[in-house]
Amino acid sequence: MKIIADYHTHTTYSHGKGSIEDNVKAAISKGLKTIGISDHGYKHLGFGVKYKDIPKMRKEIDELRKKYPQIEILMGIEANILDDEGNIDVDKETLKYFDYIMAGYHFGSMPTRLIKGSIYHILNFMGPLKKGAIKYNTRAVVNAMKKHNIFIITHPGAKAMIDLKEVARVAKETDTALEINSHHGHLTVDELMLVKDTGVKFAIGSDAHAPEDVGKFTSAIERAREAKVNEEQIININ
């Protein structure tokens, strides 16, 4: 199984340890054909890219494309899903800068309704009350896919429990890939077994937070193989 693109990498613009160029050079050294820079959306508290830096990142990536023509360099974002209406921290002003949008559910993001969002965050850790949180989380992910052109849902199930079968059903309808994340461990083997026969697409991602982790797919590949995922369902495979 040869992965040719890593769409999920972070830089110092959010909470990664290397520059965009560092990630590009790492991707070239790993033999990748495509590298995606996908820092956290600006409403991730502490870790998000600064809103004012988004145009700066676009300019930097355009310049690096000229410097490294041997690899495709894309500007993405790992947007935060902010509520159960599916709102994310990408607006009309910033949408034009991105080549693709990934979205994930993160507890560190600022919900659109602070009290309601905070309550449902807490319910994820409240034992028998988790059912309400699962319904909320599922609505959030499903509505984000319906409302926006989402390329990949990142690490589904890693931060908060969801109805994965429902998410996979809508992902297939909206042509959205579900990530097999090497860093977080989701999708797990059991999760892959649950949804692989729905025909949903998958993307293997490193979720690299340091240049040396760009293109590090071992864990994700092992899980995909153990679950016997059809390689034709993986969008970034050779």
C-alpha atoms as a PDB file:
ATOM      1  CA  MET A   1       0.000   0.000   0.000  1.00  0.00           C
ATOM      2  CA  LYS A   2       1.709   3.185  -1.222  1.00  0.00           C
ATOM      3  CA  ILE A   3       0.302   6.481   0.043  1.00  0.00           C
ATOM      4  CA  ILE A   4       1.121   9.342  -2.311  1.00  0.00           C
ATOM      5  CA  ALA A   5      -0.451  12.331  -0.527  1.00  0.00           C
ATOM      6  CA  ASP A   6      -0.484  13.585   3.046  1.00  0.00           C
ATOM      7  CA  TYR A   7      -3.330  16.060   3.442  1.00  0.00           C
ATOM      8  CA  HIS A   8      -3.130  16.414   7.234  1.00  0.00           C
ATOM      9  CA  THR A   9      -0.015  18.221   8.483  1.00  0.00           C
ATOM     10  CA  HIS A  10       0.467  21.081  10.947  1.00  0.00           C
ATOM     11  CA  THR A  11       3.048  23.868  11.101  1.00  0.00           C
ATOM     12  CA  THR A  12       4.095  26.635  13.463  1.00  0.00           C
ATOM     13  CA  TYR A  13       1.146  28.651  12.179  1.00  0.00           C
ATOM     14  CA  SER A  14      -0.916  26.552  14.610  1.00  0.00           C
ATOM     15  CA  HIS A  15       0.769  24.098  17.012  1.00  0.00           C
ATOM     16  CA  GLY A  16       3.200  22.259  14.772  1.00  0.00           C
ATOM     17  CA  LYS A  17       6.953  22.361  15.297  1.00  0.00           C
ATOM     18  CA  GLY A  18       8.116  23.075  11.753  1.00  0.00           C
ATOM     19  CA  SER A  19       7.566  25.624   9.022  1.00  0.00           C
ATOM     20  CA  ILE A  20       5.564  25.047   5.858  1.00  0.00           C
ATOM     21  CA  GLU A  21       8.820  24.638   3.961  1.00  0.00           C
ATOM     22  CA  ASP A  22      10.053  22.096   6.514  1.00  0.00           C
ATOM     23  CA  ASN A  23       6.956  19.985   5.871  1.00  0.00           C
ATOM     24  CA  VAL A  24       7.374  20.328   2.115  1.00  0.00           C
ATOM     25  CA  LYS A  25      10.989  19.171   2.251  1.00  0.00           C
ATOM     26  CA  ALA A  26      10.026  16.256   4.491  1.00  0.00           C
ATOM     27  CA  ALA A  27       7.305  15.230   2.046  1.00  0.00           C
ATOM     28  CA  ILE A  28       9.770  15.319  -0.863  1.00  0.00           C
ATOM     29  CA  SER A  29      12.223  13.180   1.087  1.00  0.00           C
ATOM     30  CA  LYS A  30       9.444  10.621   1.687  1.00  0.00           C
ATOM     31  CA  GLY A  31       8.596  10.460  -2.001  1.00  0.00           C
ATOM     32  CA  LEU A  32       5.119  11.966  -1.662  1.00  0.00           C
ATOM     33  CA  LYS A  33       3.487  13.513  -4.703  1.00  0.00           C
ATOM     34  CA  THR A  34       1.245  15.878  -2.725  1.00  0.00           C
ATOM     35  CA  ILE A  35       1.627  17.655   0.603  1.00  0.00           C
ATOM     36  CA  GLY A  36      -1.262  19.461   2.284  1.00  0.00           C
ATOM     37  CA  ILE A  37      -0.777  22.110   4.943  1.00  0.00           C
ATOM     38  CA  SER A  38      -3.828  21.981   7.201  1.00  0.00           C
ATOM     39  CA  ASP A  39      -3.405  23.984  10.365  1.00  0.00           C
ATOM     40  CA  HIS A  40      -6.229  24.307  12.879  1.00  0.00           C
ATOM     41  CA  GLY A  41      -8.984  26.820  12.252  1.00  0.00           C
ATOM     42  CA  TYR A  42      -8.729  30.111  14.086  1.00  0.00           C
ATOM     43  CA  LYS A  43     -11.423  29.296  16.663  1.00  0.00           C
ATOM     44  CA  HIS A  44      -9.336  26.542  18.215  1.00  0.00           C
ATOM     45  CA  LEU A  45      -8.299  28.123  21.506  1.00  0.00           C
ATOM     46  CA  GLY A  46      -4.546  28.358  21.819  1.00  0.00           C
ATOM     47  CA  PHE A  47      -3.795  26.155  18.804  1.00  0.00           C
ATOM     48  CA  GLY A  48      -5.643  27.823  15.938  1.00  0.00           C
ATOM     49  CA  VAL A  49      -4.031  29.757  13.113  1.00  0.00           C
ATOM     50  CA  LYS A  50      -4.338  33.511  13.521  1.00  0.00           C
ATOM     51  CA  TYR A  51      -7.051  34.891  11.261  1.00  0.00           C
ATOM     52  CA  LYS A  52      -4.730  37.568   9.904  1.00  0.00           C
ATOM     53  CA  ASP A  53      -2.116  34.952   8.948  1.00  0.00           C
ATOM     54  CA  ILE A  54      -4.325  33.090   6.468  1.00  0.00           C
ATOM     55  CA  PRO A  55      -3.490  35.346   3.465  1.00  0.00           C
ATOM     56  CA  LYS A  56       0.168  35.222   4.516  1.00  0.00           C
ATOM     57  CA  MET A  57       0.104  31.418   4.434  1.00  0.00           C
ATOM     58  CA  ARG A  58      -1.468  31.469   0.966  1.00  0.00           C
ATOM     59  CA  LYS A  59       1.299  33.726  -0.340  1.00  0.00           C
ATOM     60  CA  GLU A  60       3.994  31.569   1.251  1.00  0.00           C
ATOM     61  CA  ILE A  61       2.580  28.384  -0.279  1.00  0.00           C
ATOM     62  CA  ASP A  62       2.309  30.000  -3.723  1.00  0.00           C
ATOM     63  CA  GLU A  63       5.974  30.972  -3.498  1.00  0.00           C
ATOM     64  CA  LEU A  64       6.992  27.473  -2.375  1.00  0.00           C
ATOM     65  CA  ARG A  65       5.150  25.991  -5.354  1.00  0.00           C
ATOM     66  CA  LYS A  66       7.579  27.805  -7.624  1.00  0.00           C
ATOM     67  CA  LYS A  67      10.577  26.726  -5.535  1.00  0.00           C
ATOM     68  CA  TYR A  68       9.554  23.046  -5.365  1.00  0.00           C
ATOM     69  CA  PRO A  69       7.795  22.198  -8.646  1.00  0.00           C
ATOM     70  CA  GLN A  70       8.464  18.471  -8.118  1.00  0.00           C
ATOM     71  CA  ILE A  71       5.651  18.220  -5.555  1.00  0.00           C
ATOM     72  CA  GLU A  72       2.084  19.490  -5.392  1.00  0.00           C
ATOM     73  CA  ILE A  73       1.698  21.827  -2.399  1.00  0.00           C
ATOM     74  CA  LEU A  74      -1.846  22.506  -1.238  1.00  0.00           C
ATOM     75  CA  MET A  75      -3.251  24.856   1.361  1.00  0.00           C
ATOM     76  CA  GLY A  76      -5.966  23.287   3.435  1.00  0.00           C
ATOM     77  CA  ILE A  77      -7.302  23.813   6.907  1.00  0.00           C
ATOM     78  CA  GLU A  78      -8.500  21.576   9.701  1.00  0.00           C
ATOM     79  CA  ALA A  79     -11.609  23.583  10.489  1.00  0.00           C
ATOM     80  CA  ASN A  80     -13.382  23.223  13.798  1.00  0.00           C
ATOM     81  CA  ILE A  81     -17.000  22.044  13.856  1.00  0.00           C
ATOM     82  CA  LEU A  82     -18.527  24.586  16.206  1.00  0.00           C
ATOM     83  CA  ASP A  83     -22.100  23.448  16.852  1.00  0.00           C
ATOM     84  CA  ASP A  84     -24.776  20.935  15.942  1.00  0.00           C
ATOM     85  CA  GLU A  85     -25.904  23.154  13.061  1.00  0.00           C
ATOM     86  CA  GLY A  86     -22.643  22.283  11.348  1.00  0.00           C
ATOM     87  CA  ASN A  87     -21.030  25.724  11.444  1.00  0.00           C
ATOM     88  CA  ILE A  88     -17.248  25.791  11.031  1.00  0.00           C
ATOM     89  CA  ASP A  89     -14.589  28.479  11.392  1.00  0.00           C
ATOM     90  CA  VAL A  90     -14.216  29.150   7.666  1.00  0.00           C
ATOM     91  CA  ASP A  91     -16.093  32.195   6.379  1.00  0.00           C
ATOM     92  CA  LYS A  92     -16.638  33.863   3.006  1.00  0.00           C
ATOM     93  CA  GLU A  93     -13.537  36.011   3.480  1.00  0.00           C
ATOM     94  CA  THR A  94     -11.152  33.104   4.051  1.00  0.00           C
ATOM     95  CA  LEU A  95     -12.754  30.407   1.891  1.00  0.00           C
ATOM     96  CA  LYS A  96     -11.027  31.727  -1.240  1.00  0.00           C
ATOM     97  CA  TYR A  97      -7.569  31.014   0.205  1.00  0.00           C
ATOM     98  CA  PHE A  98      -7.988  27.266   0.673  1.00  0.00           C
ATOM     99  CA  ASP A  99      -7.516  24.457  -1.822  1.00  0.00           C
ATOM    100  CA  TYR A 100      -9.541  22.125   0.393  1.00  0.00           C
ATOM    101  CA  ILE A 101     -11.298  22.049   3.747  1.00  0.00           C
ATOM    102  CA  MET A 102     -11.045  19.313   6.337  1.00  0.00           C
ATOM    103  CA  ALA A 103     -13.177  19.506   9.460  1.00  0.00           C
ATOM    104  CA  GLY A 104     -13.018  17.855  12.834  1.00  0.00           C
ATOM    105  CA  TYR A 105     -14.662  17.948  16.237  1.00  0.00           C
ATOM    106  CA  HIS A 106     -12.327  19.438  18.863  1.00  0.00           C
ATOM    107  CA  PHE A 107     -13.014  20.179  22.521  1.00  0.00           C
ATOM    108  CA  GLY A 108     -10.572  23.094  22.356  1.00  0.00           C
ATOM    109  CA  SER A 109     -12.709  25.069  19.921  1.00  0.00           C
ATOM    110  CA  MET A 110     -14.981  27.983  20.783  1.00  0.00           C
ATOM    111  CA  PRO A 111     -18.630  26.952  20.239  1.00  0.00           C
ATOM    112  CA  THR A 112     -21.016  29.424  18.618  1.00  0.00           C
ATOM    113  CA  ARG A 113     -23.257  29.173  21.687  1.00  0.00           C
ATOM    114  CA  LEU A 114     -20.916  29.077  24.643  1.00  0.00           C
ATOM    115  CA  ILE A 115     -23.245  27.648  27.303  1.00  0.00           C
ATOM    116  CA  LYS A 116     -24.955  25.034  25.113  1.00  0.00           C
ATOM    117  CA  GLY A 117     -21.699  23.985  23.481  1.00  0.00           C
ATOM    118  CA  SER A 118     -19.886  23.740  26.805  1.00  0.00           C
ATOM    119  CA  ILE A 119     -22.656  21.607  28.314  1.00  0.00           C
ATOM    120  CA  TYR A 120     -22.492  19.113  25.472  1.00  0.00           C
ATOM    121  CA  HIS A 121     -18.692  19.034  25.683  1.00  0.00           C
ATOM    122  CA  ILE A 122     -19.011  18.080  29.366  1.00  0.00           C
ATOM    123  CA  LEU A 123     -21.678  15.439  28.680  1.00  0.00           C
ATOM    124  CA  ASN A 124     -19.104  13.472  26.678  1.00  0.00           C
ATOM    125  CA  PHE A 125     -17.522  12.549  30.009  1.00  0.00           C
ATOM    126  CA  MET A 126     -20.707  11.916  32.010  1.00  0.00           C
ATOM    127  CA  GLY A 127     -21.324   8.179  31.693  1.00  0.00           C
ATOM    128  CA  PRO A 128     -25.058   7.544  31.198  1.00  0.00           C
ATOM    129  CA  LEU A 129     -25.528  11.092  29.869  1.00  0.00           C
ATOM    130  CA  LYS A 130     -23.244  10.372  26.927  1.00  0.00           C
ATOM    131  CA  LYS A 131     -26.206   9.422  24.721  1.00  0.00           C
ATOM    132  CA  GLY A 132     -27.242  13.059  24.468  1.00  0.00           C
ATOM    133  CA  ALA A 133     -23.693  14.052  23.603  1.00  0.00           C
ATOM    134  CA  ILE A 134     -23.440  11.368  20.913  1.00  0.00           C
ATOM    135  CA  LYS A 135     -26.610  12.668  19.234  1.00  0.00           C
ATOM    136  CA  TYR A 136     -25.293  16.238  19.418  1.00  0.00           C
ATOM    137  CA  ASN A 137     -21.852  15.292  18.083  1.00  0.00           C
ATOM    138  CA  THR A 138     -23.384  13.292  15.241  1.00  0.00           C
ATOM    139  CA  ARG A 139     -25.667  16.171  14.213  1.00  0.00           C
ATOM    140  CA  ALA A 140     -22.655  18.483  14.286  1.00  0.00           C
ATOM    141  CA  VAL A 141     -20.565  16.338  11.935  1.00  0.00           C
ATOM    142  CA  VAL A 142     -23.474  15.417   9.636  1.00  0.00           C
ATOM    143  CA  ASN A 143     -24.652  19.007   9.268  1.00  0.00           C
ATOM    144  CA  ALA A 144     -21.110  20.228   8.618  1.00  0.00           C
ATOM    145  CA  MET A 145     -20.873  17.834   5.670  1.00  0.00           C
ATOM    146  CA  LYS A 146     -24.274  18.885   4.364  1.00  0.00           C
ATOM    147  CA  LYS A 147     -23.581  22.605   4.785  1.00  0.00           C
ATOM    148  CA  HIS A 148     -20.019  22.837   3.479  1.00  0.00           C
ATOM    149  CA  ASN A 149     -17.813  21.272   0.835  1.00  0.00           C
ATOM    150  CA  ILE A 150     -15.788  19.128   3.247  1.00  0.00           C
ATOM    151  CA  PHE A 151     -12.984  17.096   1.703  1.00  0.00           C
ATOM    152  CA  ILE A 152     -12.139  14.984   4.780  1.00  0.00           C
ATOM    153  CA  ILE A 153     -13.610  14.537   8.265  1.00  0.00           C
ATOM    154  CA  THR A 154     -10.569  14.271  10.505  1.00  0.00           C
ATOM    155  CA  HIS A 155     -10.149  11.525  13.121  1.00  0.00           C
ATOM    156  CA  PRO A 156     -13.895  10.753  13.435  1.00  0.00           C
ATOM    157  CA  GLY A 157     -14.626   9.448  16.919  1.00  0.00           C
ATOM    158  CA  ALA A 158     -11.270  10.469  18.396  1.00  0.00           C
ATOM    159  CA  LYS A 159     -12.399  13.530  20.344  1.00  0.00           C
ATOM    160  CA  ALA A 160     -16.040  12.705  20.900  1.00  0.00           C
ATOM    161  CA  MET A 161     -18.241   9.687  20.303  1.00  0.00           C
ATOM    162  CA  ILE A 162     -20.497   9.721  17.253  1.00  0.00           C
ATOM    163  CA  ASP A 163     -22.957   7.490  15.456  1.00  0.00           C
ATOM    164  CA  LEU A 164     -20.349   6.416  12.950  1.00  0.00           C
ATOM    165  CA  LYS A 165     -22.740   4.564  10.656  1.00  0.00           C
ATOM    166  CA  GLU A 166     -24.858   7.701  10.253  1.00  0.00           C
ATOM    167  CA  VAL A 167     -21.765   9.812   9.647  1.00  0.00           C
ATOM    168  CA  ALA A 168     -20.542   7.321   7.028  1.00  0.00           C
ATOM    169  CA  ARG A 169     -23.940   7.310   5.315  1.00  0.00           C
ATOM    170  CA  VAL A 170     -23.928  11.090   4.922  1.00  0.00           C
ATOM    171  CA  ALA A 171     -20.225  11.126   4.008  1.00  0.00           C
ATOM    172  CA  LYS A 172     -20.986   8.832   1.091  1.00  0.00           C
ATOM    173  CA  GLU A 173     -23.854  11.107  -0.002  1.00  0.00           C
ATOM    174  CA  THR A 174     -21.677  14.235   0.170  1.00  0.00           C
ATOM    175  CA  ASP A 175     -18.547  12.593  -1.280  1.00  0.00           C
ATOM    176  CA  THR A 176     -16.604  13.267   1.923  1.00  0.00           C
ATOM    177  CA  ALA A 177     -13.752  10.998   3.011  1.00  0.00           C
ATOM    178  CA  LEU A 178     -13.352   9.746   6.579  1.00  0.00           C
ATOM    179  CA  GLU A 179      -9.807   9.874   7.897  1.00  0.00           C
ATOM    180  CA  ILE A 180      -7.794   6.922   9.108  1.00  0.00           C
ATOM    181  CA  ASN A 181      -5.549   8.991  11.333  1.00  0.00           C
ATOM    182  CA  SER A 182      -2.100   7.622  12.151  1.00  0.00           C
ATOM    183  CA  HIS A 183      -1.606   9.928  15.127  1.00  0.00           C
ATOM    184  CA  HIS A 184      -4.916   9.573  17.000  1.00  0.00           C
ATOM    185  CA  GLY A 185      -5.742   5.936  16.283  1.00  0.00           C
ATOM    186  CA  HIS A 186      -9.172   6.624  14.783  1.00  0.00           C
ATOM    187  CA  LEU A 187     -10.662   5.227  12.775  1.00  0.00           C
ATOM    188  CA  THR A 188      -9.960   2.053  14.747  1.00  0.00           C
ATOM    189  CA  VAL A 189     -10.073  -1.421  13.263  1.00  0.00           C
ATOM    190  CA  ASP A 190     -13.522  -1.996  14.764  1.00  0.00           C
ATOM    191  CA  GLU A 191     -14.764   1.330  13.389  1.00  0.00           C
ATOM    192  CA  LEU A 192     -13.414   0.503   9.945  1.00  0.00           C
ATOM    193  CA  MET A 193     -15.100  -2.889  10.070  1.00  0.00           C
ATOM    194  CA  LEU A 194     -18.369  -1.160  10.938  1.00  0.00           C
ATOM    195  CA  VAL A 195     -18.463   1.196   7.947  1.00  0.00           C
ATOM    196  CA  LYS A 196     -16.161  -0.160   5.231  1.00  0.00           C
ATOM    197  CA  ASP A 197     -19.012  -1.878   3.370  1.00  0.00           C
ATOM    198  CA  THR A 198     -21.043   1.333   3.075  1.00  0.00           C
ATOM    199  CA  GLY A 199     -18.851   2.400   0.146  1.00  0.00           C
ATOM    200  CA  VAL A 200     -17.629   5.491   1.992  1.00  0.00           C
ATOM    201  CA  LYS A 201     -14.226   6.862   1.006  1.00  0.00           C
ATOM    202  CA  PHE A 202     -11.244   6.977   3.357  1.00  0.00           C
ATOM    203  CA  ALA A 203      -8.127   9.134   3.554  1.00  0.00           C
ATOM    204  CA  ILE A 204      -5.001   8.043   5.387  1.00  0.00           C
ATOM    205  CA  GLY A 205      -3.396  10.968   7.213  1.00  0.00           C
ATOM    206  CA  SER A 206      -0.311  11.432   9.336  1.00  0.00           C
ATOM    207  CA  ASP A 207      -1.673  14.377  11.381  1.00  0.00           C
ATOM    208  CA  ALA A 208       1.983  15.361  11.588  1.00  0.00           C
ATOM    209  CA  HIS A 209       2.865  17.947  14.223  1.00  0.00           C
ATOM    210  CA  ALA A 210       6.572  17.850  13.354  1.00  0.00           C
ATOM    211  CA  PRO A 211       8.295  17.612   9.958  1.00  0.00           C
ATOM    212  CA  GLU A 212       9.753  14.188  10.717  1.00  0.00           C
ATOM    213  CA  ASP A 213       6.204  12.826  11.086  1.00  0.00           C
ATOM    214  CA  VAL A 214       5.052  13.955   7.636  1.00  0.00           C
ATOM    215  CA  GLY A 215       4.261  10.835   5.632  1.00  0.00           C
ATOM    216  CA  LYS A 216       4.286   8.604   8.710  1.00  0.00           C
ATOM    217  CA  PHE A 217       1.379   6.296   7.924  1.00  0.00           C
ATOM    218  CA  THR A 218       2.380   2.964   9.489  1.00  0.00           C
ATOM    219  CA  SER A 219      -0.321   2.765  12.154  1.00  0.00           C
ATOM    220  CA  ALA A 220      -3.106   3.804   9.790  1.00  0.00           C
ATOM    221  CA  ILE A 221      -2.004   1.381   7.084  1.00  0.00           C
ATOM    222  CA  GLU A 222      -1.859  -1.486   9.577  1.00  0.00           C
ATOM    223  CA  ARG A 223      -5.420  -0.771  10.724  1.00  0.00           C
ATOM    224  CA  ALA A 224      -6.714  -0.507   7.164  1.00  0.00           C
ATOM    225  CA  ARG A 225      -5.099  -3.820   6.293  1.00  0.00           C
ATOM    226  CA  GLU A 226      -6.371  -5.564   9.420  1.00  0.00           C
ATOM    227  CA  ALA A 227      -9.903  -4.372   8.678  1.00  0.00           C
ATOM    228  CA  LYS A 228      -9.483  -5.473   5.039  1.00  0.00           C
ATOM    229  CA  VAL A 229     -10.509  -2.080   3.678  1.00  0.00           C
ATOM    230  CA  ASN A 230     -10.826  -2.101  -0.110  1.00  0.00           C
ATOM    231  CA  GLU A 231      -7.870  -0.084  -1.362  1.00  0.00           C
ATOM    232  CA  GLU A 232     -10.059   1.487  -4.041  1.00  0.00           C
ATOM    233  CA  GLN A 233     -11.896   3.300  -1.227  1.00  0.00           C
ATOM    234  CA  ILE A 234      -8.702   5.067  -0.086  1.00  0.00           C
ATOM    235  CA  ILE A 235      -8.390   8.372  -1.960  1.00  0.00           C
ATOM    236  CA  ASN A 236      -4.662   8.971  -1.471  1.00  0.00           C
ATOM    237  CA  ILE A 237      -3.293   5.577  -2.438  1.00  0.00           C
ATOM    238  CA  ASN A 238      -1.263   4.846  -5.557  1.00  0.00           C
END
